[in-house]
Amino acid sequence: MEKLTVALLAGGISSEREVSLHSGQQVYNALDKDKYHILQYDPQSDLARLVQDAPNIDIAMIILHGPFGEDGTVQGLLDLLDIPYQGSGVLGSALAMNKVVTKQLYEKAGLPVIPYSVYARDESVDVKKCVSELGLPLVVKPVSAGSSVGMSIVKSAGDLQVALDKAGEFDQAIIVESYIEGTELTAGVIGNKELSALPIIEIIPDEAYEFFDYEAKYTAGATREICPARINEELTQRAQNCAKVAHRALFCTGYSRSDMILKDNEMYVLETNTIPGMTATSLFPQAAQEAGMSFSQVLDKLIELGLEEHRARD
């Protein structure tokens, strides 16, 4: 069997560059070298080489997070180069990266979302009105950023402007949400036309962390992740269905992972990740492992789905 030539893209120029490089190395290690000839590219420095090599590449594995990687930018370049890739295309990637558009499409699809307001970075915010409408505490975050970058929990009105300024360092638009304390869940799905939902994971950040922030995500031992989650079958199916609905509402393909909060039997959908973390211990591979798929098998499946979607588009 002839090997497929895989372009492995990791690194990039977003604030999540180091996480991407780490994930990319683990993906490289897990890819079956008997099946794939792997070429590694860092979009920060290797785009010209990628363009030059394009005619000889069978598929790309995009292991990039945040702007200029997860937002449709790289996907558009690969489309121009006629290189298949795993996961969502330009549209799904761009929609899921924008938390406001995401919520609007969730609402249209009938998914419950947490009450929110949106502000421009340079907008003068009426703090009293914001607190009156959404209550306290509040969650403040950039509209287009991943891994909880620039996110704050605001417990008093006097702290809101500081949080807005922090989020504004990462984006021109800022979203402010009511804070709901509940059980944090995440649900992965995989497939193109036919979606399979993976087991639900329950996320329990260490008490040292207010929420599942960047440090809690990527510091070893900072978070407990329980798979399958300690919820009943009805709630499990509801979370899995929410993940499927969210995936389709955002025009995702291949795979995705949607985050949720369960409070008083109500499931609030927070956001959808079109390129979930892809180390062997990341949430999506963990759930796949519980479903009987090794990390290497997950990568094989994503490559298969990427090639299938490319053929369908052609």
Protein backbone atom coordinates (compact mmCIF):
# COMPACT_ATOMS: atom_id res chain seq x y z
CA MET A 1 0.00 0.00 0.00
CA GLU A 2 1.42 3.37 -1.03
CA LYS A 3 1.90 5.85 1.78
CA LEU A 4 -0.12 9.06 1.91
CA THR A 5 1.90 12.26 2.16
CA VAL A 6 0.57 14.23 5.12
CA ALA A 7 1.36 17.91 5.70
CA LEU A 8 1.31 18.43 9.48
CA LEU A 9 0.67 22.11 10.29
CA ALA A 10 1.47 23.26 13.82
CA GLY A 11 2.73 26.42 15.49
CA GLY A 12 1.37 29.48 13.74
CA ILE A 13 1.19 33.03 15.06
CA SER A 14 -1.69 33.04 17.57
CA SER A 15 -1.37 33.30 21.35
CA GLU A 16 -1.80 29.51 21.43
CA ARG A 17 1.35 28.81 19.40
CA GLU A 18 3.14 26.79 22.10
CA VAL A 19 0.14 24.55 22.71
CA SER A 20 -0.12 23.98 18.96
CA LEU A 21 3.56 23.01 18.69
CA HIS A 22 3.21 20.57 21.58
CA SER A 23 0.06 19.04 20.09
CA GLY A 24 1.66 18.84 16.67
CA GLN A 25 4.59 16.86 18.03
CA GLN A 26 2.26 14.38 19.74
CA VAL A 27 0.25 14.00 16.53
CA TYR A 28 3.48 13.37 14.63
CA ASN A 29 4.45 10.69 17.14
CA ALA A 30 1.03 9.01 16.94
CA LEU A 31 0.64 8.98 13.15
CA ASP A 32 1.37 5.53 11.71
CA LYS A 33 4.66 5.85 9.82
CA ASP A 34 3.81 2.71 7.84
CA LYS A 35 0.79 4.53 6.38
CA TYR A 36 1.98 8.12 6.12
CA HIS A 37 4.96 10.11 4.90
CA ILE A 38 4.82 13.18 7.14
CA LEU A 39 6.03 16.65 6.24
CA GLN A 40 5.98 19.25 9.03
CA TYR A 41 5.18 22.94 8.48
CA ASP A 42 4.99 25.90 10.83
CA PRO A 43 2.76 28.58 9.23
CA GLN A 44 4.85 31.22 10.98
CA SER A 45 7.76 30.48 8.64
CA ASP A 46 6.92 27.67 6.21
CA LEU A 47 3.98 28.84 4.07
CA ALA A 48 6.10 29.34 0.97
CA ARG A 49 7.44 25.80 1.29
CA LEU A 50 3.89 24.49 1.78
CA VAL A 51 2.75 26.21 -1.42
CA GLN A 52 5.74 24.80 -3.29
CA ASP A 53 5.12 21.27 -2.01
CA ALA A 54 1.33 21.37 -2.55
CA PRO A 55 1.21 19.18 -5.70
CA ASN A 56 2.80 16.32 -3.77
CA ILE A 57 0.64 16.53 -0.62
CA ASP A 58 -2.30 14.13 -0.24
CA ILE A 59 -3.84 15.69 2.89
CA ALA A 60 -3.06 18.25 5.59
CA MET A 61 -3.50 17.78 9.34
CA ILE A 62 -4.19 21.23 10.81
CA ILE A 63 -3.13 21.28 14.46
CA LEU A 64 -3.48 25.04 14.94
CA HIS A 65 -5.52 26.92 17.53
CA GLY A 66 -6.91 30.43 17.64
CA PRO A 67 -6.80 33.11 14.92
CA PHE A 68 -4.97 32.37 11.67
CA GLY A 69 -5.35 28.64 12.15
CA GLU A 70 -8.72 27.66 13.57
CA ASP A 71 -10.71 30.52 12.03
CA GLY A 72 -10.79 29.47 8.37
CA THR A 73 -7.66 31.35 7.28
CA VAL A 74 -5.44 28.31 6.74
CA GLN A 75 -8.41 26.30 5.50
CA GLY A 76 -8.90 28.88 2.72
CA LEU A 77 -5.25 28.63 1.71
CA LEU A 78 -5.48 24.84 1.55
CA ASP A 79 -8.64 25.10 -0.54
CA LEU A 80 -6.77 27.34 -2.99
CA LEU A 81 -3.95 24.80 -3.12
CA ASP A 82 -6.48 21.94 -3.55
CA ILE A 83 -5.10 20.14 -0.49
CA PRO A 84 -7.66 18.12 1.51
CA TYR A 85 -7.60 18.58 5.30
CA GLN A 86 -9.30 17.22 8.39
CA GLY A 87 -12.17 19.03 10.02
CA SER A 88 -14.30 22.02 9.15
CA GLY A 89 -13.90 24.20 6.08
CA VAL A 90 -13.68 27.98 5.86
CA LEU A 91 -17.33 28.63 6.76
CA GLY A 92 -17.62 26.30 9.76
CA SER A 93 -14.22 27.34 11.09
CA ALA A 94 -15.00 31.06 10.86
CA LEU A 95 -18.47 30.73 12.38
CA ALA A 96 -17.30 28.65 15.36
CA MET A 97 -14.42 31.04 16.05
CA ASN A 98 -16.80 33.95 16.58
CA LYS A 99 -18.62 33.49 19.90
CA VAL A 100 -21.40 35.95 19.01
CA VAL A 101 -22.27 34.36 15.66
CA THR A 102 -22.01 30.97 17.37
CA LYS A 103 -24.61 31.96 19.97
CA GLN A 104 -26.92 33.41 17.33
CA LEU A 105 -26.83 30.17 15.34
CA TYR A 106 -27.26 28.08 18.51
CA GLU A 107 -30.37 30.10 19.38
CA LYS A 108 -31.75 29.69 15.86
CA ALA A 109 -31.21 25.93 16.16
CA GLY A 110 -33.09 25.85 19.48
CA LEU A 111 -30.08 25.34 21.74
CA PRO A 112 -30.17 27.06 25.14
CA VAL A 113 -27.45 29.70 25.64
CA ILE A 114 -26.41 31.84 28.59
CA PRO A 115 -27.71 35.46 28.48
CA TYR A 116 -25.08 37.80 27.01
CA SER A 117 -24.22 41.26 25.72
CA VAL A 118 -21.63 42.33 23.14
CA TYR A 119 -19.40 45.41 23.22
CA ALA A 120 -16.78 46.95 20.96
CA ARG A 121 -13.31 47.30 22.44
CA ASP A 122 -13.41 51.11 22.38
CA GLU A 123 -17.06 51.36 23.45
CA SER A 124 -18.01 53.17 26.65
CA VAL A 125 -19.87 50.53 28.67
CA ASP A 126 -22.71 51.44 31.02
CA VAL A 127 -21.56 49.22 33.88
CA LYS A 128 -24.70 49.71 35.96
CA LYS A 129 -26.96 48.73 33.04
CA CYS A 130 -24.81 45.70 32.15
CA VAL A 131 -24.90 44.40 35.73
CA SER A 132 -28.62 45.11 35.99
CA GLU A 133 -29.33 43.08 32.84
CA LEU A 134 -26.95 40.15 33.38
CA GLY A 135 -26.38 40.15 37.14
CA LEU A 136 -23.18 39.19 38.96
CA PRO A 137 -20.86 37.40 38.62
CA LEU A 138 -20.14 37.98 34.94
CA VAL A 139 -17.91 36.20 32.44
CA VAL A 140 -15.96 38.50 30.12
CA LYS A 141 -14.01 37.22 27.11
CA PRO A 142 -12.84 38.16 23.61
CA VAL A 143 -15.32 37.26 20.87
CA SER A 144 -12.71 35.47 18.75
CA ALA A 145 -10.10 33.65 20.82
CA GLY A 146 -9.62 30.10 22.04
CA SER A 147 -8.43 28.26 25.17
CA SER A 148 -10.09 30.86 27.45
CA VAL A 149 -7.42 33.43 26.48
CA GLY A 150 -8.29 36.91 27.82
CA MET A 151 -11.19 35.57 29.91
CA SER A 152 -12.17 36.87 33.37
CA ILE A 153 -14.85 36.27 35.97
CA VAL A 154 -16.14 39.56 37.40
CA LYS A 155 -17.64 39.46 40.88
CA SER A 156 -18.14 43.18 41.47
CA ALA A 157 -19.21 46.01 39.19
CA GLY A 158 -16.00 47.87 39.94
CA ASP A 159 -13.93 45.13 38.30
CA LEU A 160 -15.85 45.03 35.03
CA GLN A 161 -13.80 47.65 33.17
CA VAL A 162 -10.52 45.90 34.00
CA ALA A 163 -11.91 42.67 32.58
CA LEU A 164 -13.14 44.46 29.46
CA ASP A 165 -9.69 45.96 28.95
CA LYS A 166 -8.07 42.55 29.36
CA ALA A 167 -10.38 40.94 26.80
CA GLY A 168 -9.86 43.90 24.48
CA GLU A 169 -6.16 43.09 24.26
CA PHE A 170 -7.09 40.03 22.20
CA ASP A 171 -10.00 41.20 20.04
CA GLN A 172 -11.95 44.24 18.89
CA ALA A 173 -15.21 42.72 20.15
CA ILE A 174 -15.96 41.54 23.68
CA ILE A 175 -18.74 39.30 24.97
CA VAL A 176 -20.12 39.54 28.51
CA GLU A 177 -22.20 36.64 29.84
CA SER A 178 -24.06 35.85 33.02
CA TYR A 179 -21.99 33.48 35.15
CA ILE A 180 -23.65 30.13 35.74
CA GLU A 181 -22.08 27.79 38.25
CA GLY A 182 -22.80 24.19 37.33
CA THR A 183 -21.28 20.98 36.04
CA GLU A 184 -18.87 21.56 33.15
CA LEU A 185 -19.29 19.03 30.34
CA THR A 186 -17.78 18.56 26.92
CA ALA A 187 -19.08 16.42 24.08
CA GLY A 188 -17.22 15.36 20.96
CA VAL A 189 -18.72 14.26 17.67
CA ILE A 190 -17.04 12.68 14.66
CA GLY A 191 -18.25 12.11 11.10
CA ASN A 192 -19.37 13.92 7.96
CA LYS A 193 -22.93 13.18 6.88
CA GLU A 194 -23.45 10.64 9.67
CA LEU A 195 -22.35 11.91 13.09
CA SER A 196 -21.29 9.71 16.00
CA ALA A 197 -21.29 11.23 19.48
CA LEU A 198 -18.46 10.30 21.82
CA PRO A 199 -18.82 9.70 25.58
CA ILE A 200 -19.32 12.87 27.63
CA ILE A 201 -16.47 14.21 29.75
CA GLU A 202 -17.02 16.02 33.05
CA ILE A 203 -14.42 18.71 33.79
CA ILE A 204 -13.52 19.63 37.37
CA PRO A 205 -10.88 22.38 37.65
CA ASP A 206 -8.76 22.35 40.80
CA GLU A 207 -10.05 24.67 43.54
CA ALA A 208 -7.07 26.93 42.82
CA TYR A 209 -8.75 27.90 39.53
CA GLU A 210 -11.98 29.87 39.24
CA PHE A 211 -12.79 28.25 35.90
CA PHE A 212 -11.32 26.02 33.18
CA ASP A 213 -8.91 28.72 32.00
CA TYR A 214 -5.73 28.49 29.90
CA GLU A 215 -3.58 27.49 32.88
CA ALA A 216 -6.11 24.94 34.14
CA LYS A 217 -6.32 23.45 30.64
CA TYR A 218 -2.60 23.02 30.10
CA THR A 219 -1.06 22.56 33.56
CA ALA A 220 -0.56 18.88 34.36
CA GLY A 221 -2.80 17.79 37.24
CA ALA A 222 -4.68 21.10 37.40
CA THR A 223 -7.97 19.58 36.28
CA ARG A 224 -9.85 16.33 36.87
CA GLU A 225 -11.49 14.94 33.76
CA ILE A 226 -14.04 12.17 34.32
CA CYS A 227 -15.10 10.06 31.35
CA PRO A 228 -17.84 9.05 31.12
CA ALA A 229 -19.32 11.99 33.02
CA ARG A 230 -21.26 11.30 36.22
CA ILE A 231 -24.66 12.08 34.71
CA ASN A 232 -27.59 9.84 33.94
CA GLU A 233 -28.43 8.36 30.55
CA GLU A 234 -31.08 10.97 29.74
CA LEU A 235 -28.66 13.84 30.37
CA THR A 236 -25.91 12.02 28.49
CA GLN A 237 -28.11 11.67 25.42
CA ARG A 238 -29.22 15.28 25.72
CA ALA A 239 -25.60 16.50 25.85
CA GLN A 240 -24.66 14.33 22.88
CA ASN A 241 -27.65 15.62 20.92
CA CYS A 242 -26.72 19.22 21.76
CA ALA A 243 -23.22 18.56 20.41
CA LYS A 244 -24.63 17.18 17.16
CA VAL A 245 -27.06 20.09 16.75
CA ALA A 246 -24.28 22.60 17.48
CA HIS A 247 -21.96 20.90 14.97
CA ARG A 248 -24.57 21.08 12.23
CA ALA A 249 -25.76 24.59 13.13
CA LEU A 250 -22.21 25.88 12.59
CA PHE A 251 -21.72 23.94 9.33
CA CYS A 252 -18.88 21.91 10.84
CA THR A 253 -17.49 18.79 9.18
CA GLY A 254 -15.28 15.92 10.28
CA TYR A 255 -15.27 16.44 14.02
CA SER A 256 -15.85 19.00 16.75
CA ARG A 257 -16.13 19.29 20.51
CA SER A 258 -18.81 21.39 22.19
CA ASP A 259 -18.57 22.69 25.76
CA MET A 260 -21.61 22.97 28.03
CA ILE A 261 -22.72 23.86 31.55
CA LEU A 262 -25.37 21.76 33.33
CA LYS A 263 -27.34 23.68 35.94
CA ASP A 264 -30.63 22.59 37.54
CA ASN A 265 -31.23 20.06 34.77
CA GLU A 266 -30.75 22.74 32.08
CA MET A 267 -27.99 22.27 29.50
CA TYR A 268 -26.41 25.53 28.27
CA VAL A 269 -24.19 25.24 25.21
CA LEU A 270 -21.14 27.50 25.48
CA GLU A 271 -19.01 27.06 22.36
CA THR A 272 -17.83 24.59 19.74
CA ASN A 273 -14.19 23.80 19.00
CA THR A 274 -13.51 22.87 15.37
CA ILE A 275 -9.92 21.83 16.12
CA PRO A 276 -10.05 20.37 19.63
CA GLY A 277 -6.81 19.83 21.53
CA MET A 278 -5.03 16.86 20.00
CA THR A 279 -2.52 15.48 22.45
CA ALA A 280 -3.03 11.90 23.59
CA THR A 281 -4.51 13.17 26.87
CA SER A 282 -6.65 15.97 25.40
CA LEU A 283 -10.40 15.84 25.86
CA PHE A 284 -11.41 14.65 22.39
CA PRO A 285 -8.87 11.76 22.26
CA GLN A 286 -9.83 10.85 25.84
CA ALA A 287 -13.48 10.49 24.86
CA ALA A 288 -12.52 8.54 21.74
CA GLN A 289 -10.41 6.21 23.88
CA GLU A 290 -13.44 5.55 26.08
CA ALA A 291 -15.35 4.71 22.88
CA GLY A 292 -12.65 2.21 21.87
CA MET A 293 -10.52 4.29 19.50
CA SER A 294 -6.81 4.78 20.14
CA PHE A 295 -5.19 8.15 19.44
CA SER A 296 -3.62 6.73 16.29
CA GLN A 297 -7.00 5.38 15.13
CA VAL A 298 -8.63 8.79 15.72
CA LEU A 299 -6.04 10.39 13.45
CA ASP A 300 -6.62 7.70 10.80
CA LYS A 301 -10.36 8.39 10.96
CA LEU A 302 -9.92 12.16 10.67
CA ILE A 303 -7.71 11.70 7.61
CA GLU A 304 -10.29 9.36 6.06
CA LEU A 305 -13.09 11.87 6.73
CA GLY A 306 -11.01 14.75 5.34
CA LEU A 307 -10.38 12.88 2.09
CA GLU A 308 -14.04 11.89 1.89
CA GLU A 309 -15.21 15.51 2.34
CA HIS A 310 -12.77 16.74 -0.28
CA ARG A 311 -14.06 14.21 -2.80
CA ALA A 312 -17.64 15.23 -2.01
CA ARG A 313 -16.84 18.92 -2.61
CA ASP A 314 -15.11 18.14 -5.89
